[in-house]
Amino acid sequence: MSRPARTFLCGAALLLSVAALPLTSKASTLTIYSNFNSNPSNLYNSNVGWAELGGNPLAYISAMAFTPGASYDLTQIDLAMLYAYGTNSFTLDLETGNGGVPSNTILQSWTVNNMPASGSCCGVDTVTSPGIHLTGGDPYWLVVQVPSHNTRAAWNWNNTGAKGNVASSQNGGSTWQSVGGTLGAFDVLGHKPAVPEPSVAALLGTALAAFLVFFPLGFSTPAREEGPKIPIPHDQLGTSQPCPPRRCGL
């Protein structure tokens, strides 16, 4: 194969390999924290939980803490909030921590309707997130707010023996008391933060630079013109002999 053809094929293969690179990567969903039972028909304790009571002036609410082992982007939260009576609705806040209790700094808030009925198993309440960044090693709190004064609900306990930081408030979250104990059943899902990928222009530019380095273009240069030919004299026998420089005017 000629050099121009080989150069063309190598360059084309390099550019095609760059074009074939994925422009985006699909991150897989990972479990950041979970205390749900692995048995889908026995996810949590359906008989006992933390009472969530709406009221004025008193509103008994609770909060559960979790700490990611690494940094993630949040995508989903599931929890076992079950409805007893009143308005079938509650608010879930994601907050940072402060001194072992919620900080009241809300990172995101969701309104959830149509809780599963109390005494049943194993419906869950699900909220999704556009990808709030959670820093590994930092505590975060899930805070349940029952906005209606007539609502009675419960954050049912896990049945896997998971205990941890639990906080309780009797004034709707204005102040908190750390109580600890069995955690309400929940999980937190997300994915690893995306690694920025180079742009298409940068990839093509890199490919072109590599192409020019390893396969330089073979432009032809004009042939050097030859000077006038100097006749070579024949000897007496008719054979050609080298021309002495002085006789040829060199």
Protein backbone atom coordinates (compact mmCIF):
# COMPACT_ATOMS: atom_id res chain seq x y z
CA MET A 1 0.00 0.00 0.00
CA SER A 2 1.34 3.42 -0.94
CA ARG A 3 2.26 5.91 1.75
CA PRO A 4 -0.49 8.42 0.81
CA ALA A 5 -3.12 5.67 0.97
CA ARG A 6 -1.79 4.37 4.28
CA THR A 7 -1.74 7.88 5.73
CA PHE A 8 -5.32 8.49 4.62
CA LEU A 9 -6.59 5.22 6.12
CA CYS A 10 -4.81 5.78 9.45
CA GLY A 11 -6.16 9.29 9.72
CA ALA A 12 -9.68 8.19 8.85
CA ALA A 13 -9.54 5.40 11.45
CA LEU A 14 -8.35 7.84 14.11
CA LEU A 15 -11.12 10.33 13.38
CA LEU A 16 -13.76 7.59 13.34
CA SER A 17 -12.57 6.27 16.70
CA VAL A 18 -12.95 9.75 18.19
CA ALA A 19 -16.39 10.17 16.68
CA ALA A 20 -17.42 6.85 18.21
CA LEU A 21 -16.61 8.00 21.75
CA PRO A 22 -19.73 8.45 23.91
CA LEU A 23 -20.67 12.07 24.42
CA THR A 24 -22.44 11.32 27.71
CA SER A 25 -22.27 8.53 30.25
CA LYS A 26 -25.31 7.10 31.96
CA ALA A 27 -24.69 6.93 35.70
CA SER A 28 -26.07 3.88 37.48
CA THR A 29 -28.34 4.31 40.52
CA LEU A 30 -26.66 3.42 43.81
CA THR A 31 -27.94 2.99 47.35
CA ILE A 32 -26.55 5.77 49.54
CA TYR A 33 -28.38 4.52 52.64
CA SER A 34 -31.13 2.00 53.33
CA ASN A 35 -32.60 0.24 56.35
CA PHE A 36 -35.40 -1.46 54.42
CA ASN A 37 -35.69 -5.22 54.67
CA SER A 38 -34.51 -7.05 51.56
CA ASN A 39 -37.81 -8.99 51.57
CA PRO A 40 -40.24 -6.85 49.49
CA SER A 41 -43.24 -8.27 51.37
CA ASN A 42 -41.70 -7.35 54.75
CA LEU A 43 -39.96 -4.03 54.07
CA TYR A 44 -40.57 -2.51 57.52
CA ASN A 45 -42.41 -2.88 60.82
CA SER A 46 -46.03 -2.12 59.99
CA ASN A 47 -47.18 -2.14 63.62
CA VAL A 48 -45.13 0.60 65.30
CA GLY A 49 -43.49 3.88 64.32
CA TRP A 50 -42.77 7.49 65.24
CA ALA A 51 -46.00 9.49 65.64
CA GLU A 52 -46.40 12.48 63.31
CA LEU A 53 -49.17 14.73 64.64
CA GLY A 54 -50.36 18.01 63.21
CA GLY A 55 -51.59 20.58 65.70
CA ASN A 56 -51.67 24.16 66.86
CA PRO A 57 -49.76 25.15 68.91
CA LEU A 58 -48.25 21.68 69.33
CA ALA A 59 -47.13 19.62 66.34
CA TYR A 60 -45.19 16.46 67.08
CA ILE A 61 -42.79 15.65 64.27
CA SER A 62 -39.61 13.60 63.90
CA ALA A 63 -36.46 13.54 61.81
CA MET A 64 -34.00 10.79 60.85
CA ALA A 65 -30.32 11.28 60.06
CA PHE A 66 -28.04 9.59 57.56
CA THR A 67 -24.42 10.17 56.58
CA PRO A 68 -23.20 9.25 53.07
CA GLY A 69 -20.00 7.22 53.03
CA ALA A 70 -18.91 9.05 49.86
CA SER A 71 -20.10 11.98 47.76
CA TYR A 72 -23.19 11.38 45.62
CA ASP A 73 -25.82 13.25 43.65
CA LEU A 74 -29.22 12.54 45.20
CA THR A 75 -31.94 11.15 42.92
CA GLN A 76 -34.61 9.51 45.11
CA ILE A 77 -35.84 9.01 48.67
CA ASP A 78 -38.33 6.35 49.82
CA LEU A 79 -39.84 6.24 53.31
CA ALA A 80 -42.54 4.35 55.20
CA MET A 81 -44.95 7.13 56.22
CA LEU A 82 -48.37 5.60 56.87
CA TYR A 83 -51.67 7.46 57.19
CA ALA A 84 -54.13 7.12 60.09
CA TYR A 85 -56.73 9.89 59.58
CA GLY A 86 -57.20 13.55 58.72
CA THR A 87 -55.60 15.18 55.70
CA ASN A 88 -53.60 12.57 53.80
CA SER A 89 -50.55 14.73 53.13
CA PHE A 90 -47.16 15.61 54.60
CA THR A 91 -44.03 17.56 53.74
CA LEU A 92 -40.55 16.03 53.62
CA ASP A 93 -37.55 18.34 54.04
CA LEU A 94 -33.92 17.47 53.37
CA GLU A 95 -31.78 19.47 55.79
CA THR A 96 -28.17 19.74 56.86
CA GLY A 97 -27.18 18.90 60.43
CA ASN A 98 -26.11 21.11 63.30
CA GLY A 99 -24.98 19.75 66.64
CA GLY A 100 -26.64 16.37 66.22
CA VAL A 101 -30.07 17.74 65.21
CA PRO A 102 -31.54 19.29 62.03
CA SER A 103 -30.19 22.74 61.23
CA ASN A 104 -33.46 24.06 59.74
CA THR A 105 -31.44 24.81 56.59
CA ILE A 106 -33.59 23.18 53.91
CA LEU A 107 -31.82 21.85 50.82
CA GLN A 108 -35.01 20.65 49.17
CA SER A 109 -38.63 20.14 50.17
CA TRP A 110 -41.35 17.86 48.77
CA THR A 111 -45.11 17.63 49.38
CA VAL A 112 -46.35 14.04 49.46
CA ASN A 113 -49.99 13.02 49.12
CA ASN A 114 -51.85 9.72 49.41
CA MET A 115 -49.83 7.93 52.07
CA PRO A 116 -50.41 4.18 52.40
CA ALA A 117 -52.91 3.21 55.10
CA SER A 118 -51.56 2.44 58.56
CA GLY A 119 -51.38 -1.19 59.62
CA SER A 120 -50.54 -2.33 56.08
CA CYS A 121 -47.30 -3.37 54.42
CA CYS A 122 -45.47 -2.57 52.28
CA GLY A 123 -46.32 0.65 50.50
CA VAL A 124 -43.76 3.48 50.53
CA ASP A 125 -43.76 7.19 49.78
CA THR A 126 -41.32 8.20 47.03
CA VAL A 127 -39.86 11.59 46.13
CA THR A 128 -37.31 12.34 43.42
CA SER A 129 -34.57 14.92 43.16
CA PRO A 130 -32.82 16.58 40.20
CA GLY A 131 -29.47 15.68 41.74
CA ILE A 132 -28.66 17.61 44.93
CA HIS A 133 -25.01 17.01 45.80
CA LEU A 134 -24.43 15.15 49.06
CA THR A 135 -20.91 15.37 50.51
CA GLY A 136 -19.44 12.20 51.93
CA GLY A 137 -19.05 12.27 55.70
CA ASP A 138 -21.54 15.11 56.25
CA PRO A 139 -24.75 14.38 58.21
CA TYR A 140 -28.11 15.05 56.56
CA TRP A 141 -31.60 14.91 58.02
CA LEU A 142 -34.96 13.85 56.64
CA VAL A 143 -37.57 15.97 58.43
CA VAL A 144 -41.29 15.17 58.26
CA GLN A 145 -43.73 18.07 58.60
CA VAL A 146 -47.45 17.46 59.04
CA PRO A 147 -48.99 20.77 57.96
CA SER A 148 -52.60 20.06 58.77
CA HIS A 149 -53.69 20.19 62.44
CA ASN A 150 -56.00 17.19 62.01
CA THR A 151 -53.46 14.84 60.41
CA ARG A 152 -52.38 11.71 62.25
CA ALA A 153 -49.66 9.57 60.67
CA ALA A 154 -46.63 7.50 61.64
CA TRP A 155 -43.14 7.03 60.28
CA ASN A 156 -43.00 3.27 60.68
CA TRP A 157 -39.86 1.72 62.13
CA ASN A 158 -37.45 -0.41 60.20
CA ASN A 159 -37.36 -4.12 61.08
CA THR A 160 -33.67 -4.67 60.36
CA GLY A 161 -32.46 -3.41 63.76
CA ALA A 162 -31.06 -0.15 62.40
CA LYS A 163 -30.64 2.51 65.10
CA GLY A 164 -29.17 5.98 64.78
CA ASN A 165 -29.73 9.70 65.23
CA VAL A 166 -33.40 10.52 65.70
CA ALA A 167 -34.64 14.00 66.59
CA SER A 168 -38.07 15.02 67.88
CA SER A 169 -39.82 18.37 67.95
CA GLN A 170 -43.01 19.44 69.70
CA ASN A 171 -43.26 22.85 68.04
CA GLY A 172 -43.14 22.03 64.36
CA GLY A 173 -39.35 22.07 64.10
CA SER A 174 -38.57 25.39 65.75
CA THR A 175 -36.48 23.51 68.31
CA TRP A 176 -35.24 19.93 68.32
CA GLN A 177 -34.38 17.30 70.90
CA SER A 178 -32.01 14.43 70.10
CA VAL A 179 -33.67 11.20 71.23
CA GLY A 180 -31.89 8.45 69.26
CA GLY A 181 -33.32 4.97 68.90
CA THR A 182 -34.83 2.91 66.14
CA LEU A 183 -34.85 4.69 62.82
CA GLY A 184 -37.95 5.10 60.73
CA ALA A 185 -37.73 2.99 57.58
CA PHE A 186 -36.26 4.80 54.57
CA ASP A 187 -33.67 4.66 51.83
CA VAL A 188 -31.70 7.26 49.91
CA LEU A 189 -30.61 6.66 46.30
CA GLY A 190 -28.27 8.52 43.98
CA HIS A 191 -25.33 8.23 41.67
CA LYS A 192 -21.70 9.21 41.65
CA PRO A 193 -21.05 12.80 40.49
CA ALA A 194 -20.54 12.92 36.75
CA VAL A 195 -16.97 13.40 35.52
CA PRO A 196 -16.87 16.20 32.91
CA GLU A 197 -16.13 14.80 29.48
CA PRO A 198 -14.14 16.69 26.84
CA SER A 199 -16.15 18.45 24.18
CA VAL A 200 -16.41 17.10 20.66
CA ALA A 201 -14.34 20.02 19.35
CA ALA A 202 -11.56 19.27 21.83
CA LEU A 203 -11.57 15.58 20.90
CA LEU A 204 -11.43 16.32 17.18
CA GLY A 205 -8.70 18.89 17.72
CA THR A 206 -6.62 16.37 19.67
CA ALA A 207 -7.18 13.75 17.00
CA LEU A 208 -6.14 16.13 14.24
CA ALA A 209 -3.00 17.16 16.13
CA ALA A 210 -2.06 13.52 16.66
CA PHE A 211 -2.75 12.82 13.01
CA LEU A 212 -0.42 15.61 11.88
CA VAL A 213 2.33 14.53 14.29
CA PHE A 214 2.35 10.85 13.45
CA PHE A 215 1.29 11.10 9.82
CA PRO A 216 2.68 14.36 8.36
CA LEU A 217 1.20 15.37 5.05
CA GLY A 218 3.51 14.38 2.20
CA PHE A 219 3.40 17.49 0.03
CA SER A 220 5.69 17.14 -3.00
CA THR A 221 8.40 19.73 -3.65
CA PRO A 222 9.43 20.79 -7.17
CA ALA A 223 12.48 19.00 -8.58
CA ARG A 224 15.73 20.98 -8.58
CA GLU A 225 16.59 22.21 -12.06
CA GLU A 226 19.76 20.82 -13.54
CA GLY A 227 22.41 23.09 -15.07
CA PRO A 228 23.58 22.80 -18.72
CA LYS A 229 25.15 19.48 -19.55
CA ILE A 230 28.87 19.55 -20.33
CA PRO A 231 29.85 17.22 -23.14
CA ILE A 232 32.31 14.55 -22.27
CA PRO A 233 35.08 14.25 -24.94
CA HIS A 234 35.85 10.90 -26.50
CA ASP A 235 39.33 9.47 -26.42
CA GLN A 236 41.02 8.23 -29.48
CA LEU A 237 39.54 4.78 -29.05
CA GLY A 238 35.99 6.23 -28.96
CA THR A 239 35.35 5.45 -25.32
CA SER A 240 33.99 8.04 -22.92
CA GLN A 241 36.36 9.30 -20.25
CA PRO A 242 35.73 11.58 -17.30
CA CYS A 243 36.02 15.22 -18.20
CA PRO A 244 39.04 16.90 -16.58
CA PRO A 245 37.70 19.86 -14.57
CA ARG A 246 40.00 22.43 -16.22
CA ARG A 247 39.15 21.33 -19.76
CA CYS A 248 35.39 21.45 -18.98
CA GLY A 249 35.63 24.91 -17.46
CA LEU A 250 34.84 23.78 -13.94
